[in-house]
Amino acid sequence: EIAEVFFIVLCAVLIFSWAGYALFRHDYEAESAPSTVNVDLSTLYRACESFLVLLTTCNFPDVMLPAYRASRFSVTFFIAFVVLCCWLLQSLMLATVLGAFKSRAGQQFG
């Protein structure tokens, strides 16, 4: 069960990475100022890396800002990622891990 949910989360991150790369790579290539945070969507590898870090929401505004400067409507893409992956899928992952823990603890101690 845990592997299935992990695979779903990974697929969602890869799909959003590909879509972000396809939609916003030119906005990130145009960024000439050095960034204090290492975020980039100019290559597919860097997009995957940025969205995996974005999954923790520690760099949410930093990933979104170059695309936001180009178009304010791009914020909907990043909000959709945060809602789907960070809130829904991460909650599903936590519930799956907790359910597996409870069943194993019940088998071991019950």
C-alpha atoms as a PDB file:
ATOM      1  CA  GLU A   1       0.000   0.000   0.000  1.00  0.00           C
ATOM      2  CA  ILE A   2       2.744   2.452   0.903  1.00  0.00           C
ATOM      3  CA  ALA A   3       4.605   1.830  -2.349  1.00  0.00           C
ATOM      4  CA  GLU A   4       1.442   2.472  -4.375  1.00  0.00           C
ATOM      5  CA  VAL A   5       0.808   5.819  -2.700  1.00  0.00           C
ATOM      6  CA  PHE A   6       4.486   6.756  -3.009  1.00  0.00           C
ATOM      7  CA  PHE A   7       4.290   5.932  -6.722  1.00  0.00           C
ATOM      8  CA  ILE A   8       1.207   8.158  -7.091  1.00  0.00           C
ATOM      9  CA  VAL A   9       2.991  11.051  -5.363  1.00  0.00           C
ATOM     10  CA  LEU A  10       6.072  10.547  -7.519  1.00  0.00           C
ATOM     11  CA  CYS A  11       3.974  10.458 -10.706  1.00  0.00           C
ATOM     12  CA  ALA A  12       2.170  13.656  -9.704  1.00  0.00           C
ATOM     13  CA  VAL A  13       5.494  15.397  -9.050  1.00  0.00           C
ATOM     14  CA  LEU A  14       6.861  14.215 -12.399  1.00  0.00           C
ATOM     15  CA  ILE A  15       3.748  15.385 -14.259  1.00  0.00           C
ATOM     16  CA  PHE A  16       3.855  18.802 -12.600  1.00  0.00           C
ATOM     17  CA  SER A  17       7.605  19.009 -13.266  1.00  0.00           C
ATOM     18  CA  TRP A  18       7.108  18.282 -16.930  1.00  0.00           C
ATOM     19  CA  ALA A  19       4.202  20.739 -17.184  1.00  0.00           C
ATOM     20  CA  GLY A  20       6.164  23.412 -15.315  1.00  0.00           C
ATOM     21  CA  TYR A  21       9.144  22.864 -17.578  1.00  0.00           C
ATOM     22  CA  ALA A  22       6.961  23.086 -20.687  1.00  0.00           C
ATOM     23  CA  LEU A  23       5.075  26.173 -19.521  1.00  0.00           C
ATOM     24  CA  PHE A  24       7.653  28.234 -17.676  1.00  0.00           C
ATOM     25  CA  ARG A  25      11.158  27.280 -18.833  1.00  0.00           C
ATOM     26  CA  HIS A  26      11.582  30.523 -20.755  1.00  0.00           C
ATOM     27  CA  ASP A  27      10.739  32.577 -17.668  1.00  0.00           C
ATOM     28  CA  TYR A  28      13.468  30.824 -15.705  1.00  0.00           C
ATOM     29  CA  GLU A  29      16.030  31.047 -18.515  1.00  0.00           C
ATOM     30  CA  ALA A  30      15.473  34.812 -18.582  1.00  0.00           C
ATOM     31  CA  GLU A  31      16.310  35.150 -14.893  1.00  0.00           C
ATOM     32  CA  SER A  32      19.742  36.711 -14.898  1.00  0.00           C
ATOM     33  CA  ALA A  33      19.999  37.730 -11.240  1.00  0.00           C
ATOM     34  CA  PRO A  34      21.700  35.165  -9.030  1.00  0.00           C
ATOM     35  CA  SER A  35      19.254  33.521  -6.680  1.00  0.00           C
ATOM     36  CA  THR A  36      19.958  32.695  -3.072  1.00  0.00           C
ATOM     37  CA  VAL A  37      17.791  29.596  -3.447  1.00  0.00           C
ATOM     38  CA  ASN A  38      18.734  27.005  -6.039  1.00  0.00           C
ATOM     39  CA  VAL A  39      15.454  26.763  -7.982  1.00  0.00           C
ATOM     40  CA  ASP A  40      15.198  26.424 -11.697  1.00  0.00           C
ATOM     41  CA  LEU A  41      12.751  25.115 -14.290  1.00  0.00           C
ATOM     42  CA  SER A  42      14.970  25.692 -17.310  1.00  0.00           C
ATOM     43  CA  THR A  43      15.798  21.973 -17.705  1.00  0.00           C
ATOM     44  CA  LEU A  44      13.630  18.959 -17.007  1.00  0.00           C
ATOM     45  CA  TYR A  45      16.076  17.593 -14.424  1.00  0.00           C
ATOM     46  CA  ARG A  46      16.177  20.909 -12.551  1.00  0.00           C
ATOM     47  CA  ALA A  47      12.380  21.143 -12.743  1.00  0.00           C
ATOM     48  CA  CYS A  48      12.036  17.697 -11.129  1.00  0.00           C
ATOM     49  CA  GLU A  49      14.500  18.686  -8.446  1.00  0.00           C
ATOM     50  CA  SER A  50      12.698  21.978  -7.778  1.00  0.00           C
ATOM     51  CA  PHE A  51       9.277  20.332  -7.547  1.00  0.00           C
ATOM     52  CA  LEU A  52      10.568  17.618  -5.224  1.00  0.00           C
ATOM     53  CA  VAL A  53      11.846  20.337  -2.918  1.00  0.00           C
ATOM     54  CA  LEU A  54       8.591  22.249  -3.410  1.00  0.00           C
ATOM     55  CA  LEU A  55       6.815  19.149  -2.132  1.00  0.00           C
ATOM     56  CA  THR A  56       8.124  20.137   1.305  1.00  0.00           C
ATOM     57  CA  THR A  57       6.838  23.722   0.719  1.00  0.00           C
ATOM     58  CA  CYS A  58      10.060  25.162   2.159  1.00  0.00           C
ATOM     59  CA  ASN A  59      10.769  27.151  -1.021  1.00  0.00           C
ATOM     60  CA  PHE A  60       7.250  27.799  -2.305  1.00  0.00           C
ATOM     61  CA  PRO A  61       7.502  31.487  -3.145  1.00  0.00           C
ATOM     62  CA  ASP A  62      11.021  31.170  -4.552  1.00  0.00           C
ATOM     63  CA  VAL A  63       9.995  28.586  -7.138  1.00  0.00           C
ATOM     64  CA  MET A  64       6.929  30.543  -8.206  1.00  0.00           C
ATOM     65  CA  LEU A  65       8.340  34.083  -8.442  1.00  0.00           C
ATOM     66  CA  PRO A  66      10.033  34.019 -11.886  1.00  0.00           C
ATOM     67  CA  ALA A  67       6.862  32.648 -13.486  1.00  0.00           C
ATOM     68  CA  TYR A  68       4.727  35.057 -11.450  1.00  0.00           C
ATOM     69  CA  ARG A  69       6.755  38.014 -12.728  1.00  0.00           C
ATOM     70  CA  ALA A  70       5.994  36.961 -16.295  1.00  0.00           C
ATOM     71  CA  SER A  71       2.279  36.292 -15.738  1.00  0.00           C
ATOM     72  CA  ARG A  72       0.191  36.624 -12.616  1.00  0.00           C
ATOM     73  CA  PHE A  73      -2.055  33.786 -13.791  1.00  0.00           C
ATOM     74  CA  SER A  74       0.819  31.327 -13.408  1.00  0.00           C
ATOM     75  CA  VAL A  75       0.174  31.303  -9.663  1.00  0.00           C
ATOM     76  CA  THR A  76      -2.777  28.958 -10.287  1.00  0.00           C
ATOM     77  CA  PHE A  77      -0.396  26.248 -11.509  1.00  0.00           C
ATOM     78  CA  PHE A  78       1.702  26.397  -8.363  1.00  0.00           C
ATOM     79  CA  ILE A  79      -1.316  26.635  -6.053  1.00  0.00           C
ATOM     80  CA  ALA A  80      -2.761  23.552  -7.789  1.00  0.00           C
ATOM     81  CA  PHE A  81       0.502  21.702  -7.116  1.00  0.00           C
ATOM     82  CA  VAL A  82       0.519  22.672  -3.457  1.00  0.00           C
ATOM     83  CA  VAL A  83      -3.131  21.707  -2.971  1.00  0.00           C
ATOM     84  CA  LEU A  84      -2.927  18.408  -4.828  1.00  0.00           C
ATOM     85  CA  CYS A  85       0.516  17.157  -3.879  1.00  0.00           C
ATOM     86  CA  CYS A  86       1.293  18.794  -0.563  1.00  0.00           C
ATOM     87  CA  TRP A  87      -2.104  18.705   1.079  1.00  0.00           C
ATOM     88  CA  LEU A  88      -4.018  15.833  -0.497  1.00  0.00           C
ATOM     89  CA  LEU A  89      -1.356  13.340  -1.553  1.00  0.00           C
ATOM     90  CA  GLN A  90       0.918  13.936   1.434  1.00  0.00           C
ATOM     91  CA  SER A  91      -2.087  13.442   3.739  1.00  0.00           C
ATOM     92  CA  LEU A  92      -2.894  10.231   1.894  1.00  0.00           C
ATOM     93  CA  MET A  93       0.709   9.097   2.312  1.00  0.00           C
ATOM     94  CA  LEU A  94       0.609   9.855   6.033  1.00  0.00           C
ATOM     95  CA  ALA A  95      -2.697   8.011   6.453  1.00  0.00           C
ATOM     96  CA  THR A  96      -1.329   4.992   4.591  1.00  0.00           C
ATOM     97  CA  VAL A  97       1.830   4.864   6.683  1.00  0.00           C
ATOM     98  CA  LEU A  98      -0.157   5.274   9.888  1.00  0.00           C
ATOM     99  CA  GLY A  99      -2.591   2.519   8.842  1.00  0.00           C
ATOM    100  CA  ALA A 100       0.277   0.164   8.052  1.00  0.00           C
ATOM    101  CA  PHE A 101       1.905   0.985  11.383  1.00  0.00           C
ATOM    102  CA  LYS A 102      -1.297   0.322  13.300  1.00  0.00           C
ATOM    103  CA  SER A 103      -1.883  -3.015  11.564  1.00  0.00           C
ATOM    104  CA  ARG A 104       1.696  -4.170  12.208  1.00  0.00           C
ATOM    105  CA  ALA A 105       1.602  -2.969  15.799  1.00  0.00           C
ATOM    106  CA  GLY A 106      -1.694  -4.833  16.266  1.00  0.00           C
ATOM    107  CA  GLN A 107      -0.159  -8.008  14.866  1.00  0.00           C
ATOM    108  CA  GLN A 108       2.957  -7.697  16.972  1.00  0.00           C
ATOM    109  CA  PHE A 109       1.413  -6.666  20.287  1.00  0.00           C
ATOM    110  CA  GLY A 110      -2.208  -7.753  19.982  1.00  0.00           C
END
